[in-house]
Amino acid sequence: QVQLVESGGGLVQPGGSLRLSCAASGASFGLHPMKWYRQSPGKERELVAASARAGGRVNYADSVKGRFTISRDNLRNTVYLQMNSLKPEDTAVYYCNAERYGIMYWGQGTQVTVSF
């Protein structure tokens, strides 16, 4: 059974940094897309960053370009989201997503709160 487990969320002050991790088990995702989404109360879930495959092309939402970095460790079957210069508007539940042969998998989400 495939599982995605996120970690690394928490409370941080504006301008601070956090690194989210998403560890996959049950299948290898090195050749498959892995992404980070986020959802704030009252808003739709939005794509934050995407990695086509380990070492492949990456894309970012305009709102996080230059501040967030998605990366992958193929040996650990893990995707990361390094978030710098965090803003209050980055507050959301962050979800890891992976797709393998047309099947989508989601993690349980991790809360990120940016506030004084």
C-alpha atoms as a PDB file:
ATOM      1  CA  GLN A   1       0.000   0.000   0.000  1.00  0.00           C
ATOM      2  CA  VAL A   2       1.362   3.391  -1.006  1.00  0.00           C
ATOM      3  CA  GLN A   3       1.654   5.992   1.740  1.00  0.00           C
ATOM      4  CA  LEU A   4       2.889   9.570   1.733  1.00  0.00           C
ATOM      5  CA  VAL A   5       3.833  10.998   5.116  1.00  0.00           C
ATOM      6  CA  GLU A   6       4.561  14.707   5.479  1.00  0.00           C
ATOM      7  CA  SER A   7       6.499  16.334   8.277  1.00  0.00           C
ATOM      8  CA  GLY A   8       8.185  19.618   9.099  1.00  0.00           C
ATOM      9  CA  GLY A   9       5.266  21.984   9.482  1.00  0.00           C
ATOM     10  CA  GLY A  10       4.870  24.348  12.390  1.00  0.00           C
ATOM     11  CA  LEU A  11       4.698  27.943  13.533  1.00  0.00           C
ATOM     12  CA  VAL A  12       7.266  30.386  12.186  1.00  0.00           C
ATOM     13  CA  GLN A  13       7.614  34.151  12.222  1.00  0.00           C
ATOM     14  CA  PRO A  14       7.394  36.168   8.998  1.00  0.00           C
ATOM     15  CA  GLY A  15      10.736  36.080   7.201  1.00  0.00           C
ATOM     16  CA  GLY A  16      11.573  32.695   8.671  1.00  0.00           C
ATOM     17  CA  SER A  17      12.152  29.320   7.031  1.00  0.00           C
ATOM     18  CA  LEU A  18      10.776  25.811   7.206  1.00  0.00           C
ATOM     19  CA  ARG A  19      11.561  22.611   5.358  1.00  0.00           C
ATOM     20  CA  LEU A  20       8.758  20.165   4.663  1.00  0.00           C
ATOM     21  CA  SER A  21       9.449  16.511   3.950  1.00  0.00           C
ATOM     22  CA  CYS A  22       7.263  13.890   2.315  1.00  0.00           C
ATOM     23  CA  ALA A  23       8.400  10.302   2.551  1.00  0.00           C
ATOM     24  CA  ALA A  24       6.808   7.798   0.204  1.00  0.00           C
ATOM     25  CA  SER A  25       6.532   4.097   0.930  1.00  0.00           C
ATOM     26  CA  GLY A  26       5.023   1.164  -0.870  1.00  0.00           C
ATOM     27  CA  ALA A  27       6.282   2.221  -4.318  1.00  0.00           C
ATOM     28  CA  SER A  28       9.164   4.065  -5.941  1.00  0.00           C
ATOM     29  CA  PHE A  29       8.415   7.527  -7.305  1.00  0.00           C
ATOM     30  CA  GLY A  30      11.824   8.450  -8.722  1.00  0.00           C
ATOM     31  CA  LEU A  31      10.541   8.459 -12.300  1.00  0.00           C
ATOM     32  CA  HIS A  32       7.157   9.973 -11.480  1.00  0.00           C
ATOM     33  CA  PRO A  33       5.803  13.426 -10.625  1.00  0.00           C
ATOM     34  CA  MET A  34       5.720  14.617  -7.053  1.00  0.00           C
ATOM     35  CA  LYS A  35       4.162  17.926  -6.032  1.00  0.00           C
ATOM     36  CA  TRP A  36       3.310  20.144  -3.114  1.00  0.00           C
ATOM     37  CA  TYR A  37      -0.111  21.753  -2.780  1.00  0.00           C
ATOM     38  CA  ARG A  38      -1.538  23.978  -0.082  1.00  0.00           C
ATOM     39  CA  GLN A  39      -4.972  24.935   1.114  1.00  0.00           C
ATOM     40  CA  SER A  40      -6.034  27.843   3.292  1.00  0.00           C
ATOM     41  CA  PRO A  41      -9.435  28.093   5.012  1.00  0.00           C
ATOM     42  CA  GLY A  42     -12.090  29.118   2.528  1.00  0.00           C
ATOM     43  CA  LYS A  43      -9.799  28.722  -0.459  1.00  0.00           C
ATOM     44  CA  GLU A  44      -9.293  26.044  -3.055  1.00  0.00           C
ATOM     45  CA  ARG A  45      -6.273  23.787  -2.921  1.00  0.00           C
ATOM     46  CA  GLU A  46      -3.508  25.290  -5.047  1.00  0.00           C
ATOM     47  CA  LEU A  47      -0.373  23.874  -6.611  1.00  0.00           C
ATOM     48  CA  VAL A  48       2.757  25.298  -5.002  1.00  0.00           C
ATOM     49  CA  ALA A  49       5.625  23.364  -6.581  1.00  0.00           C
ATOM     50  CA  ALA A  50       6.036  20.396  -8.891  1.00  0.00           C
ATOM     51  CA  SER A  51       8.848  18.040  -9.780  1.00  0.00           C
ATOM     52  CA  ALA A  52       8.401  15.994 -12.939  1.00  0.00           C
ATOM     53  CA  ARG A  53      10.844  13.328 -11.792  1.00  0.00           C
ATOM     54  CA  ALA A  54      13.955  13.069  -9.670  1.00  0.00           C
ATOM     55  CA  GLY A  55      16.481  15.430 -11.256  1.00  0.00           C
ATOM     56  CA  GLY A  56      13.936  16.646 -13.768  1.00  0.00           C
ATOM     57  CA  ARG A  57      12.094  19.860 -14.468  1.00  0.00           C
ATOM     58  CA  VAL A  58      10.522  21.791 -11.618  1.00  0.00           C
ATOM     59  CA  ASN A  59       7.797  24.429 -11.616  1.00  0.00           C
ATOM     60  CA  TYR A  60       6.526  26.895  -9.036  1.00  0.00           C
ATOM     61  CA  ALA A  61       3.485  29.016  -8.420  1.00  0.00           C
ATOM     62  CA  ASP A  62       4.227  32.683  -9.093  1.00  0.00           C
ATOM     63  CA  SER A  63       3.507  33.491  -5.464  1.00  0.00           C
ATOM     64  CA  VAL A  64       6.420  31.360  -4.208  1.00  0.00           C
ATOM     65  CA  LYS A  65       9.020  31.736  -6.975  1.00  0.00           C
ATOM     66  CA  GLY A  66      12.392  32.710  -5.593  1.00  0.00           C
ATOM     67  CA  ARG A  67      11.376  31.740  -2.054  1.00  0.00           C
ATOM     68  CA  PHE A  68      10.473  28.026  -2.209  1.00  0.00           C
ATOM     69  CA  THR A  69      12.562  25.169  -3.571  1.00  0.00           C
ATOM     70  CA  ILE A  70      11.351  21.662  -4.307  1.00  0.00           C
ATOM     71  CA  SER A  71      13.902  18.868  -4.264  1.00  0.00           C
ATOM     72  CA  ARG A  72      13.982  15.102  -4.168  1.00  0.00           C
ATOM     73  CA  ASP A  73      16.094  12.356  -2.676  1.00  0.00           C
ATOM     74  CA  ASN A  74      15.608   9.363  -4.916  1.00  0.00           C
ATOM     75  CA  LEU A  75      17.321   6.927  -2.553  1.00  0.00           C
ATOM     76  CA  ARG A  76      15.025   7.944   0.300  1.00  0.00           C
ATOM     77  CA  ASN A  77      11.965   8.205  -1.984  1.00  0.00           C
ATOM     78  CA  THR A  78      11.365  11.614  -0.432  1.00  0.00           C
ATOM     79  CA  VAL A  79      10.409  15.040  -1.716  1.00  0.00           C
ATOM     80  CA  TYR A  80      11.207  18.242   0.148  1.00  0.00           C
ATOM     81  CA  LEU A  81       9.933  21.796   0.094  1.00  0.00           C
ATOM     82  CA  GLN A  82      12.354  24.382   1.406  1.00  0.00           C
ATOM     83  CA  MET A  83      10.424  27.522   2.250  1.00  0.00           C
ATOM     84  CA  ASN A  84      12.312  30.759   2.876  1.00  0.00           C
ATOM     85  CA  SER A  85      11.198  34.346   3.481  1.00  0.00           C
ATOM     86  CA  LEU A  86       7.844  33.080   4.662  1.00  0.00           C
ATOM     87  CA  LYS A  87       4.887  35.443   4.653  1.00  0.00           C
ATOM     88  CA  PRO A  88       1.606  35.339   6.592  1.00  0.00           C
ATOM     89  CA  GLU A  89      -0.172  34.519   3.331  1.00  0.00           C
ATOM     90  CA  ASP A  90       1.813  31.285   3.137  1.00  0.00           C
ATOM     91  CA  THR A  91      -0.197  30.009   6.094  1.00  0.00           C
ATOM     92  CA  ALA A  92      -2.002  26.843   4.989  1.00  0.00           C
ATOM     93  CA  VAL A  93      -2.120  23.097   5.230  1.00  0.00           C
ATOM     94  CA  TYR A  94       0.516  21.735   2.873  1.00  0.00           C
ATOM     95  CA  TYR A  95      -0.122  18.459   1.087  1.00  0.00           C
ATOM     96  CA  CYS A  96       2.266  16.147  -0.706  1.00  0.00           C
ATOM     97  CA  ASN A  97       1.002  14.613  -3.947  1.00  0.00           C
ATOM     98  CA  ALA A  98       2.443  11.863  -6.101  1.00  0.00           C
ATOM     99  CA  GLU A  99       1.236  10.293  -9.290  1.00  0.00           C
ATOM    100  CA  ARG A 100       2.209   6.887 -10.594  1.00  0.00           C
ATOM    101  CA  TYR A 101       0.714   5.341 -13.733  1.00  0.00           C
ATOM    102  CA  GLY A 102      -2.357   7.564 -13.534  1.00  0.00           C
ATOM    103  CA  ILE A 103      -3.051   6.956  -9.852  1.00  0.00           C
ATOM    104  CA  MET A 104      -2.887   9.955  -7.522  1.00  0.00           C
ATOM    105  CA  TYR A 105      -1.728   9.687  -3.940  1.00  0.00           C
ATOM    106  CA  TRP A 106      -2.022  12.292  -1.192  1.00  0.00           C
ATOM    107  CA  GLY A 107      -0.426  12.759   2.173  1.00  0.00           C
ATOM    108  CA  GLN A 108      -2.379  13.718   5.264  1.00  0.00           C
ATOM    109  CA  GLY A 109      -1.176  17.323   5.232  1.00  0.00           C
ATOM    110  CA  THR A 110       0.989  19.379   7.553  1.00  0.00           C
ATOM    111  CA  GLN A 111       0.030  22.769   8.978  1.00  0.00           C
ATOM    112  CA  VAL A 112       2.262  25.767   8.320  1.00  0.00           C
ATOM    113  CA  THR A 113       1.444  28.932  10.231  1.00  0.00           C
ATOM    114  CA  VAL A 114       3.358  32.163   9.612  1.00  0.00           C
ATOM    115  CA  SER A 115       2.672  34.659  12.355  1.00  0.00           C
ATOM    116  CA  PHE A 116       4.275  36.752  15.071  1.00  0.00           C
END
